[in-house]
Amino acid sequence: MPDAPEQPILLRDAADGVVTLTLNRPSAFNSLSEALLGALMEELERIDADPAARVLVLKGNGKAFCAGHDLKEMGDSRTREDLGRLFERCSKMMTRLTTLGVPVIAVVDGIATAAGCQLVAACDLAIVTDRSRFATSGVKYGLFCSTPMVALSRNVPRKPALEMLLTGDFIDAPTALAHGLVNQVVAPEALDDALAGLIARLLDKPKDTLALGKNAFYAQLEMGLEEAYAFSTRVIVDNALADDFTEGLAAFTEKRAPRWDG
């Protein structure tokens, strides 16, 4: 009897402008091996080049969303060169989620720890079930979650973020919601409907305007107040002169729904 074909480590589905990527290493709690990081990066570039792509959804197959880096793989080669390559690759992938020209939604039903928690924080939006839990747990194994800290500290206020980083303890889904790490907490059986509702609220907006707004949001976060206002003034003037706002004004004047291109 022939062996069953090996499953890909990243599953892809695309329909009606929505691309869904599912981490598919359930026996390893979807930990981020170098191969999985590479597959994710390839797909992100593919999505950004696809004019039909409107929304990206990230999921995990099995009991975990993502348990962070593959510690077994890390333990097999702990040279400065190999570890540097691994963490640089991960950081580039996380940054690419931020620069991607479509909204990215994390859908979590289970644990998200260390770089898995970072992955949730790096996404633009997150819907989770009430049985999901989050932790930056590396400190419990002698490895402070320095790179997950970057995304976490840009989502969660200082003291809750430091408590997560310094203790490595789990927070539950309601706490993650209160801290601003996630957008919605729902029962597991309501997850698909909640996701569909959020996607619908994004798909009825113009793609180019969402891309412009997402880029401007992350850019201005790193600026001082006066620089942020000067930058955002240029952005909104360019936006106001673009085709999307021309159509939006016409729809407003004619009392109809706008008809967006793309």
C-alpha atoms as a PDB file:
ATOM      1  CA  MET A   1       0.000   0.000   0.000  1.00  0.00           C
ATOM      2  CA  PRO A   2       1.558   3.347  -1.002  1.00  0.00           C
ATOM      3  CA  ASP A   3       2.329   5.933   1.651  1.00  0.00           C
ATOM      4  CA  ALA A   4      -0.191   8.739   2.030  1.00  0.00           C
ATOM      5  CA  PRO A   5       1.030  11.920   0.353  1.00  0.00           C
ATOM      6  CA  GLU A   6       2.660  14.377   2.707  1.00  0.00           C
ATOM      7  CA  GLN A   7       0.467  17.373   3.457  1.00  0.00           C
ATOM      8  CA  PRO A   8       1.810  20.842   2.630  1.00  0.00           C
ATOM      9  CA  ILE A   9       2.854  22.877   5.658  1.00  0.00           C
ATOM     10  CA  LEU A  10       0.801  25.851   4.453  1.00  0.00           C
ATOM     11  CA  LEU A  11      -2.648  25.478   2.923  1.00  0.00           C
ATOM     12  CA  ARG A  12      -4.059  28.085   0.557  1.00  0.00           C
ATOM     13  CA  ASP A  13      -7.629  28.798  -0.446  1.00  0.00           C
ATOM     14  CA  ALA A  14      -8.895  31.740  -2.459  1.00  0.00           C
ATOM     15  CA  ALA A  15     -12.455  32.729  -3.304  1.00  0.00           C
ATOM     16  CA  ASP A  16     -14.228  36.030  -4.010  1.00  0.00           C
ATOM     17  CA  GLY A  17     -11.206  38.160  -3.175  1.00  0.00           C
ATOM     18  CA  VAL A  18     -10.486  36.425   0.143  1.00  0.00           C
ATOM     19  CA  VAL A  19      -7.238  34.449   0.460  1.00  0.00           C
ATOM     20  CA  THR A  20      -7.037  32.062   3.420  1.00  0.00           C
ATOM     21  CA  LEU A  21      -3.675  30.708   4.544  1.00  0.00           C
ATOM     22  CA  THR A  22      -3.767  27.910   7.100  1.00  0.00           C
ATOM     23  CA  LEU A  23      -0.681  26.900   9.061  1.00  0.00           C
ATOM     24  CA  ASN A  24      -0.637  23.126   8.674  1.00  0.00           C
ATOM     25  CA  ARG A  25       1.787  21.618  11.166  1.00  0.00           C
ATOM     26  CA  PRO A  26      -0.792  20.486  13.746  1.00  0.00           C
ATOM     27  CA  SER A  27       1.440  17.837  15.325  1.00  0.00           C
ATOM     28  CA  ALA A  28       3.988  20.602  16.049  1.00  0.00           C
ATOM     29  CA  PHE A  29       1.284  23.087  17.113  1.00  0.00           C
ATOM     30  CA  ASN A  30       1.921  24.995  13.862  1.00  0.00           C
ATOM     31  CA  SER A  31       5.320  26.163  15.057  1.00  0.00           C
ATOM     32  CA  LEU A  32       7.183  28.441  12.669  1.00  0.00           C
ATOM     33  CA  SER A  33       9.888  26.328  11.093  1.00  0.00           C
ATOM     34  CA  GLU A  34      12.181  27.953   8.557  1.00  0.00           C
ATOM     35  CA  ALA A  35      10.276  26.155   5.815  1.00  0.00           C
ATOM     36  CA  LEU A  36       6.937  27.489   7.050  1.00  0.00           C
ATOM     37  CA  LEU A  37       8.319  31.023   7.333  1.00  0.00           C
ATOM     38  CA  GLY A  38       9.572  30.745   3.756  1.00  0.00           C
ATOM     39  CA  ALA A  39       6.209  29.447   2.527  1.00  0.00           C
ATOM     40  CA  LEU A  40       4.395  32.290   4.267  1.00  0.00           C
ATOM     41  CA  MET A  41       6.694  34.890   2.750  1.00  0.00           C
ATOM     42  CA  GLU A  42       6.195  33.462  -0.736  1.00  0.00           C
ATOM     43  CA  GLU A  43       2.430  33.603  -0.321  1.00  0.00           C
ATOM     44  CA  LEU A  44       2.495  37.169   0.994  1.00  0.00           C
ATOM     45  CA  GLU A  45       4.414  38.300  -2.080  1.00  0.00           C
ATOM     46  CA  ARG A  46       1.987  36.393  -4.287  1.00  0.00           C
ATOM     47  CA  ILE A  47      -1.004  38.044  -2.605  1.00  0.00           C
ATOM     48  CA  ASP A  48       0.448  41.535  -2.906  1.00  0.00           C
ATOM     49  CA  ALA A  49       0.943  40.999  -6.641  1.00  0.00           C
ATOM     50  CA  ASP A  50      -2.602  39.674  -7.141  1.00  0.00           C
ATOM     51  CA  PRO A  51      -5.106  42.407  -8.072  1.00  0.00           C
ATOM     52  CA  ALA A  52      -7.987  40.071  -7.199  1.00  0.00           C
ATOM     53  CA  ALA A  53      -6.863  39.678  -3.568  1.00  0.00           C
ATOM     54  CA  ARG A  54      -8.853  41.863  -1.183  1.00  0.00           C
ATOM     55  CA  VAL A  55      -8.460  40.290   2.261  1.00  0.00           C
ATOM     56  CA  LEU A  56      -6.021  37.801   3.811  1.00  0.00           C
ATOM     57  CA  VAL A  57      -7.139  35.417   6.562  1.00  0.00           C
ATOM     58  CA  LEU A  58      -4.571  33.541   8.663  1.00  0.00           C
ATOM     59  CA  LYS A  59      -5.606  30.380  10.523  1.00  0.00           C
ATOM     60  CA  GLY A  60      -4.011  27.422  12.249  1.00  0.00           C
ATOM     61  CA  ASN A  61      -4.936  23.780  11.723  1.00  0.00           C
ATOM     62  CA  GLY A  62      -5.499  21.704  14.857  1.00  0.00           C
ATOM     63  CA  LYS A  63      -5.552  22.649  18.539  1.00  0.00           C
ATOM     64  CA  ALA A  64      -3.187  25.624  18.264  1.00  0.00           C
ATOM     65  CA  PHE A  65      -3.043  28.742  16.147  1.00  0.00           C
ATOM     66  CA  CYS A  66       0.740  28.862  16.450  1.00  0.00           C
ATOM     67  CA  ALA A  67       3.128  27.913  19.244  1.00  0.00           C
ATOM     68  CA  GLY A  68       5.945  30.176  18.070  1.00  0.00           C
ATOM     69  CA  HIS A  69       9.307  29.076  16.730  1.00  0.00           C
ATOM     70  CA  ASP A  70      10.174  25.431  16.280  1.00  0.00           C
ATOM     71  CA  LEU A  71      12.363  24.907  19.362  1.00  0.00           C
ATOM     72  CA  LYS A  72      13.560  21.513  18.161  1.00  0.00           C
ATOM     73  CA  GLU A  73      14.791  23.047  14.925  1.00  0.00           C
ATOM     74  CA  MET A  74      16.436  25.886  16.863  1.00  0.00           C
ATOM     75  CA  GLY A  75      18.159  23.403  19.151  1.00  0.00           C
ATOM     76  CA  ASP A  76      19.624  21.489  16.213  1.00  0.00           C
ATOM     77  CA  SER A  77      21.673  24.483  15.091  1.00  0.00           C
ATOM     78  CA  ARG A  78      22.458  27.255  17.556  1.00  0.00           C
ATOM     79  CA  THR A  79      25.177  29.105  15.664  1.00  0.00           C
ATOM     80  CA  ARG A  80      24.964  32.879  15.522  1.00  0.00           C
ATOM     81  CA  GLU A  81      24.642  32.698  11.748  1.00  0.00           C
ATOM     82  CA  ASP A  82      21.765  30.199  11.757  1.00  0.00           C
ATOM     83  CA  LEU A  83      19.869  31.894  14.568  1.00  0.00           C
ATOM     84  CA  GLY A  84      20.386  35.289  12.966  1.00  0.00           C
ATOM     85  CA  ARG A  85      18.992  34.014   9.677  1.00  0.00           C
ATOM     86  CA  LEU A  86      15.978  32.462  11.406  1.00  0.00           C
ATOM     87  CA  PHE A  87      14.976  35.530  13.406  1.00  0.00           C
ATOM     88  CA  GLU A  88      15.664  37.897  10.521  1.00  0.00           C
ATOM     89  CA  ARG A  89      13.438  35.773   8.284  1.00  0.00           C
ATOM     90  CA  CYS A  90      10.700  35.801  10.893  1.00  0.00           C
ATOM     91  CA  SER A  91      10.971  39.562  11.415  1.00  0.00           C
ATOM     92  CA  LYS A  92      10.768  40.187   7.667  1.00  0.00           C
ATOM     93  CA  MET A  93       7.655  38.022   7.406  1.00  0.00           C
ATOM     94  CA  MET A  94       5.982  39.831  10.315  1.00  0.00           C
ATOM     95  CA  THR A  95       6.864  43.200   8.799  1.00  0.00           C
ATOM     96  CA  ARG A  96       5.502  42.071   5.431  1.00  0.00           C
ATOM     97  CA  LEU A  97       2.115  41.484   7.042  1.00  0.00           C
ATOM     98  CA  THR A  98       2.137  45.142   8.023  1.00  0.00           C
ATOM     99  CA  THR A  99       3.189  46.395   4.578  1.00  0.00           C
ATOM    100  CA  LEU A 100       0.833  44.071   2.684  1.00  0.00           C
ATOM    101  CA  GLY A 101      -1.670  46.044   0.619  1.00  0.00           C
ATOM    102  CA  VAL A 102      -4.743  44.206   1.951  1.00  0.00           C
ATOM    103  CA  PRO A 103      -6.193  43.847   5.460  1.00  0.00           C
ATOM    104  CA  VAL A 104      -4.935  40.771   7.327  1.00  0.00           C
ATOM    105  CA  ILE A 105      -7.203  38.973   9.803  1.00  0.00           C
ATOM    106  CA  ALA A 106      -5.910  36.448  12.334  1.00  0.00           C
ATOM    107  CA  VAL A 107      -8.494  33.803  13.235  1.00  0.00           C
ATOM    108  CA  VAL A 108      -7.537  32.039  16.465  1.00  0.00           C
ATOM    109  CA  ASP A 109      -9.124  29.027  18.119  1.00  0.00           C
ATOM    110  CA  GLY A 110      -6.535  27.726  20.580  1.00  0.00           C
ATOM    111  CA  ILE A 111      -3.173  28.907  21.872  1.00  0.00           C
ATOM    112  CA  ALA A 112      -0.925  31.547  20.357  1.00  0.00           C
ATOM    113  CA  THR A 113       2.421  31.667  22.132  1.00  0.00           C
ATOM    114  CA  ALA A 114       5.752  33.479  21.657  1.00  0.00           C
ATOM    115  CA  ALA A 115       6.131  34.158  17.904  1.00  0.00           C
ATOM    116  CA  GLY A 116       2.575  32.850  17.518  1.00  0.00           C
ATOM    117  CA  CYS A 117       1.355  35.654  19.766  1.00  0.00           C
ATOM    118  CA  GLN A 118       3.565  37.957  17.707  1.00  0.00           C
ATOM    119  CA  LEU A 119       1.806  36.697  14.581  1.00  0.00           C
ATOM    120  CA  VAL A 120      -1.572  37.676  16.006  1.00  0.00           C
ATOM    121  CA  ALA A 121      -0.233  41.107  16.977  1.00  0.00           C
ATOM    122  CA  ALA A 122       1.318  41.604  13.528  1.00  0.00           C
ATOM    123  CA  CYS A 123      -2.031  41.072  11.798  1.00  0.00           C
ATOM    124  CA  ASP A 124      -4.267  44.086  11.308  1.00  0.00           C
ATOM    125  CA  LEU A 125      -7.315  42.494  12.928  1.00  0.00           C
ATOM    126  CA  ALA A 126      -8.009  39.401  15.026  1.00  0.00           C
ATOM    127  CA  ILE A 127     -11.106  37.340  15.782  1.00  0.00           C
ATOM    128  CA  VAL A 128     -10.687  34.655  18.441  1.00  0.00           C
ATOM    129  CA  THR A 129     -12.747  32.100  20.301  1.00  0.00           C
ATOM    130  CA  ASP A 130     -13.371  32.303  24.016  1.00  0.00           C
ATOM    131  CA  ARG A 131     -11.159  29.249  24.559  1.00  0.00           C
ATOM    132  CA  SER A 132      -8.108  30.913  22.979  1.00  0.00           C
ATOM    133  CA  ARG A 133      -5.121  31.914  25.111  1.00  0.00           C
ATOM    134  CA  PHE A 134      -2.069  34.054  24.470  1.00  0.00           C
ATOM    135  CA  ALA A 135       1.424  34.217  25.952  1.00  0.00           C
ATOM    136  CA  THR A 136       4.938  35.431  25.267  1.00  0.00           C
ATOM    137  CA  SER A 137       6.286  32.387  27.024  1.00  0.00           C
ATOM    138  CA  GLY A 138       9.921  32.338  25.926  1.00  0.00           C
ATOM    139  CA  VAL A 139      11.148  33.752  29.236  1.00  0.00           C
ATOM    140  CA  LYS A 140      10.071  30.513  30.935  1.00  0.00           C
ATOM    141  CA  TYR A 141      12.669  28.710  28.834  1.00  0.00           C
ATOM    142  CA  GLY A 142      15.387  31.322  29.244  1.00  0.00           C
ATOM    143  CA  LEU A 143      14.670  33.147  25.971  1.00  0.00           C
ATOM    144  CA  PHE A 144      13.063  36.575  26.378  1.00  0.00           C
ATOM    145  CA  CYS A 145      10.548  37.227  23.587  1.00  0.00           C
ATOM    146  CA  SER A 146      12.471  40.211  22.218  1.00  0.00           C
ATOM    147  CA  THR A 147      11.169  40.056  18.650  1.00  0.00           C
ATOM    148  CA  PRO A 148       7.557  39.241  19.650  1.00  0.00           C
ATOM    149  CA  MET A 149       7.852  42.258  21.960  1.00  0.00           C
ATOM    150  CA  VAL A 150       7.969  44.579  18.933  1.00  0.00           C
ATOM    151  CA  ALA A 151       4.495  43.670  17.685  1.00  0.00           C
ATOM    152  CA  LEU A 152       3.056  43.104  21.159  1.00  0.00           C
ATOM    153  CA  SER A 153       4.128  46.527  22.449  1.00  0.00           C
ATOM    154  CA  ARG A 154       2.506  48.179  19.426  1.00  0.00           C
ATOM    155  CA  ASN A 155      -0.831  46.565  20.329  1.00  0.00           C
ATOM    156  CA  VAL A 156      -0.929  46.308  24.114  1.00  0.00           C
ATOM    157  CA  PRO A 157      -0.357  49.083  26.690  1.00  0.00           C
ATOM    158  CA  ARG A 158       3.021  49.159  28.413  1.00  0.00           C
ATOM    159  CA  LYS A 159       2.290  47.531  31.758  1.00  0.00           C
ATOM    160  CA  PRO A 160       0.144  44.646  30.459  1.00  0.00           C
ATOM    161  CA  ALA A 161       2.713  44.040  27.717  1.00  0.00           C
ATOM    162  CA  LEU A 162       5.563  43.934  30.215  1.00  0.00           C
ATOM    163  CA  GLU A 163       3.604  41.614  32.488  1.00  0.00           C
ATOM    164  CA  MET A 164       3.168  39.205  29.575  1.00  0.00           C
ATOM    165  CA  LEU A 165       6.826  39.485  28.576  1.00  0.00           C
ATOM    166  CA  LEU A 166       8.316  39.248  32.081  1.00  0.00           C
ATOM    167  CA  THR A 167       6.141  36.412  33.385  1.00  0.00           C
ATOM    168  CA  GLY A 168       5.432  34.415  30.232  1.00  0.00           C
ATOM    169  CA  ASP A 169       2.003  33.613  31.683  1.00  0.00           C
ATOM    170  CA  PHE A 170      -1.098  33.071  29.574  1.00  0.00           C
ATOM    171  CA  ILE A 171      -3.862  35.620  29.260  1.00  0.00           C
ATOM    172  CA  ASP A 172      -7.329  34.492  28.256  1.00  0.00           C
ATOM    173  CA  ALA A 173      -9.354  35.808  25.341  1.00  0.00           C
ATOM    174  CA  PRO A 174     -11.395  38.397  27.295  1.00  0.00           C
ATOM    175  CA  THR A 175      -8.168  39.814  28.723  1.00  0.00           C
ATOM    176  CA  ALA A 176      -6.628  39.933  25.252  1.00  0.00           C
ATOM    177  CA  LEU A 177      -9.696  41.861  24.100  1.00  0.00           C
ATOM    178  CA  ALA A 178      -9.467  44.286  27.019  1.00  0.00           C
ATOM    179  CA  HIS A 179      -5.757  44.869  26.278  1.00  0.00           C
ATOM    180  CA  GLY A 180      -6.398  45.543  22.583  1.00  0.00           C
ATOM    181  CA  LEU A 181      -4.580  42.475  21.257  1.00  0.00           C
ATOM    182  CA  VAL A 182      -7.723  41.195  19.510  1.00  0.00           C
ATOM    183  CA  ASN A 183     -10.910  42.710  18.086  1.00  0.00           C
ATOM    184  CA  GLN A 184     -13.607  40.145  18.834  1.00  0.00           C
ATOM    185  CA  VAL A 185     -14.113  37.167  21.131  1.00  0.00           C
ATOM    186  CA  VAL A 186     -16.815  34.707  20.138  1.00  0.00           C
ATOM    187  CA  ALA A 187     -17.947  31.190  20.932  1.00  0.00           C
ATOM    188  CA  PRO A 188     -16.280  28.543  18.727  1.00  0.00           C
ATOM    189  CA  GLU A 189     -19.539  27.828  16.900  1.00  0.00           C
ATOM    190  CA  ALA A 190     -19.900  31.544  16.064  1.00  0.00           C
ATOM    191  CA  LEU A 191     -16.396  31.960  14.657  1.00  0.00           C
ATOM    192  CA  ASP A 192     -17.233  31.434  10.975  1.00  0.00           C
ATOM    193  CA  ASP A 193     -20.146  33.885  11.083  1.00  0.00           C
ATOM    194  CA  ALA A 194     -18.061  36.506  12.884  1.00  0.00           C
ATOM    195  CA  LEU A 195     -15.315  36.175  10.295  1.00  0.00           C
ATOM    196  CA  ALA A 196     -17.781  36.398   7.413  1.00  0.00           C
ATOM    197  CA  GLY A 197     -19.294  39.522   8.913  1.00  0.00           C
ATOM    198  CA  LEU A 198     -15.928  41.252   9.292  1.00  0.00           C
ATOM    199  CA  ILE A 199     -14.858  40.282   5.779  1.00  0.00           C
ATOM    200  CA  ALA A 200     -18.117  41.702   4.375  1.00  0.00           C
ATOM    201  CA  ARG A 201     -17.433  44.997   6.139  1.00  0.00           C
ATOM    202  CA  LEU A 202     -14.040  45.171   4.425  1.00  0.00           C
ATOM    203  CA  LEU A 203     -15.077  44.012   0.964  1.00  0.00           C
ATOM    204  CA  ASP A 204     -17.621  46.810   0.599  1.00  0.00           C
ATOM    205  CA  LYS A 205     -14.828  49.382   0.850  1.00  0.00           C
ATOM    206  CA  PRO A 206     -12.541  50.394  -2.060  1.00  0.00           C
ATOM    207  CA  LYS A 207      -9.370  48.291  -2.192  1.00  0.00           C
ATOM    208  CA  ASP A 208      -7.011  51.141  -3.067  1.00  0.00           C
ATOM    209  CA  THR A 209      -8.304  53.317  -0.253  1.00  0.00           C
ATOM    210  CA  LEU A 210      -7.909  50.515   2.276  1.00  0.00           C
ATOM    211  CA  ALA A 211      -4.343  49.938   1.091  1.00  0.00           C
ATOM    212  CA  LEU A 212      -3.549  53.651   1.328  1.00  0.00           C
ATOM    213  CA  GLY A 213      -5.112  53.889   4.778  1.00  0.00           C
ATOM    214  CA  LYS A 214      -3.361  50.814   6.143  1.00  0.00           C
ATOM    215  CA  ASN A 215       0.023  52.061   4.953  1.00  0.00           C
ATOM    216  CA  ALA A 216      -0.599  55.524   6.393  1.00  0.00           C
ATOM    217  CA  PHE A 217      -1.742  54.115   9.745  1.00  0.00           C
ATOM    218  CA  TYR A 218       1.453  52.163  10.355  1.00  0.00           C
ATOM    219  CA  ALA A 219       3.695  54.911   8.983  1.00  0.00           C
ATOM    220  CA  GLN A 220       2.309  57.667  11.199  1.00  0.00           C
ATOM    221  CA  LEU A 221       2.579  55.518  14.322  1.00  0.00           C
ATOM    222  CA  GLU A 222       6.367  55.882  14.170  1.00  0.00           C
ATOM    223  CA  MET A 223       6.292  59.695  13.794  1.00  0.00           C
ATOM    224  CA  GLY A 224       6.113  62.612  16.173  1.00  0.00           C
ATOM    225  CA  LEU A 225       2.851  64.560  16.328  1.00  0.00           C
ATOM    226  CA  GLU A 226       3.718  67.382  13.910  1.00  0.00           C
ATOM    227  CA  GLU A 227       5.366  65.030  11.419  1.00  0.00           C
ATOM    228  CA  ALA A 228       2.382  62.686  11.608  1.00  0.00           C
ATOM    229  CA  TYR A 229      -0.039  65.499  10.818  1.00  0.00           C
ATOM    230  CA  ALA A 230       2.087  66.764   7.928  1.00  0.00           C
ATOM    231  CA  PHE A 231       2.357  63.256   6.508  1.00  0.00           C
ATOM    232  CA  SER A 232      -1.335  62.443   6.927  1.00  0.00           C
ATOM    233  CA  THR A 233      -2.297  65.772   5.356  1.00  0.00           C
ATOM    234  CA  ARG A 234      -0.416  64.785   2.198  1.00  0.00           C
ATOM    235  CA  VAL A 235      -2.057  61.365   2.285  1.00  0.00           C
ATOM    236  CA  ILE A 236      -5.599  62.691   2.614  1.00  0.00           C
ATOM    237  CA  VAL A 237      -5.091  65.288  -0.126  1.00  0.00           C
ATOM    238  CA  ASP A 238      -3.853  62.587  -2.506  1.00  0.00           C
ATOM    239  CA  ASN A 239      -6.807  60.413  -1.475  1.00  0.00           C
ATOM    240  CA  ALA A 240      -9.283  63.234  -2.001  1.00  0.00           C
ATOM    241  CA  LEU A 241      -8.016  63.705  -5.570  1.00  0.00           C
ATOM    242  CA  ALA A 242      -8.209  59.982  -6.432  1.00  0.00           C
ATOM    243  CA  ASP A 243     -10.911  58.070  -8.303  1.00  0.00           C
ATOM    244  CA  ASP A 244     -12.322  56.379  -5.193  1.00  0.00           C
ATOM    245  CA  PHE A 245     -13.354  59.672  -3.624  1.00  0.00           C
ATOM    246  CA  THR A 246     -14.701  60.917  -6.958  1.00  0.00           C
ATOM    247  CA  GLU A 247     -17.012  57.897  -7.005  1.00  0.00           C
ATOM    248  CA  GLY A 248     -17.804  58.293  -3.306  1.00  0.00           C
ATOM    249  CA  LEU A 249     -18.854  61.909  -3.818  1.00  0.00           C
ATOM    250  CA  ALA A 250     -20.994  60.977  -6.810  1.00  0.00           C
ATOM    251  CA  ALA A 251     -22.684  58.197  -4.825  1.00  0.00           C
ATOM    252  CA  PHE A 252     -23.350  60.586  -1.937  1.00  0.00           C
ATOM    253  CA  THR A 253     -24.794  63.235  -4.237  1.00  0.00           C
ATOM    254  CA  GLU A 254     -26.925  60.734  -6.167  1.00  0.00           C
ATOM    255  CA  LYS A 255     -28.062  58.944  -2.975  1.00  0.00           C
ATOM    256  CA  ARG A 256     -26.875  55.502  -4.106  1.00  0.00           C
ATOM    257  CA  ALA A 257     -24.343  52.908  -3.065  1.00  0.00           C
ATOM    258  CA  PRO A 258     -20.858  53.545  -4.453  1.00  0.00           C
ATOM    259  CA  ARG A 259     -19.567  51.316  -7.230  1.00  0.00           C
ATOM    260  CA  TRP A 260     -15.903  50.650  -6.574  1.00  0.00           C
ATOM    261  CA  ASP A 261     -13.432  49.445  -9.178  1.00  0.00           C
ATOM    262  CA  GLY A 262     -11.639  46.170  -8.390  1.00  0.00           C
END
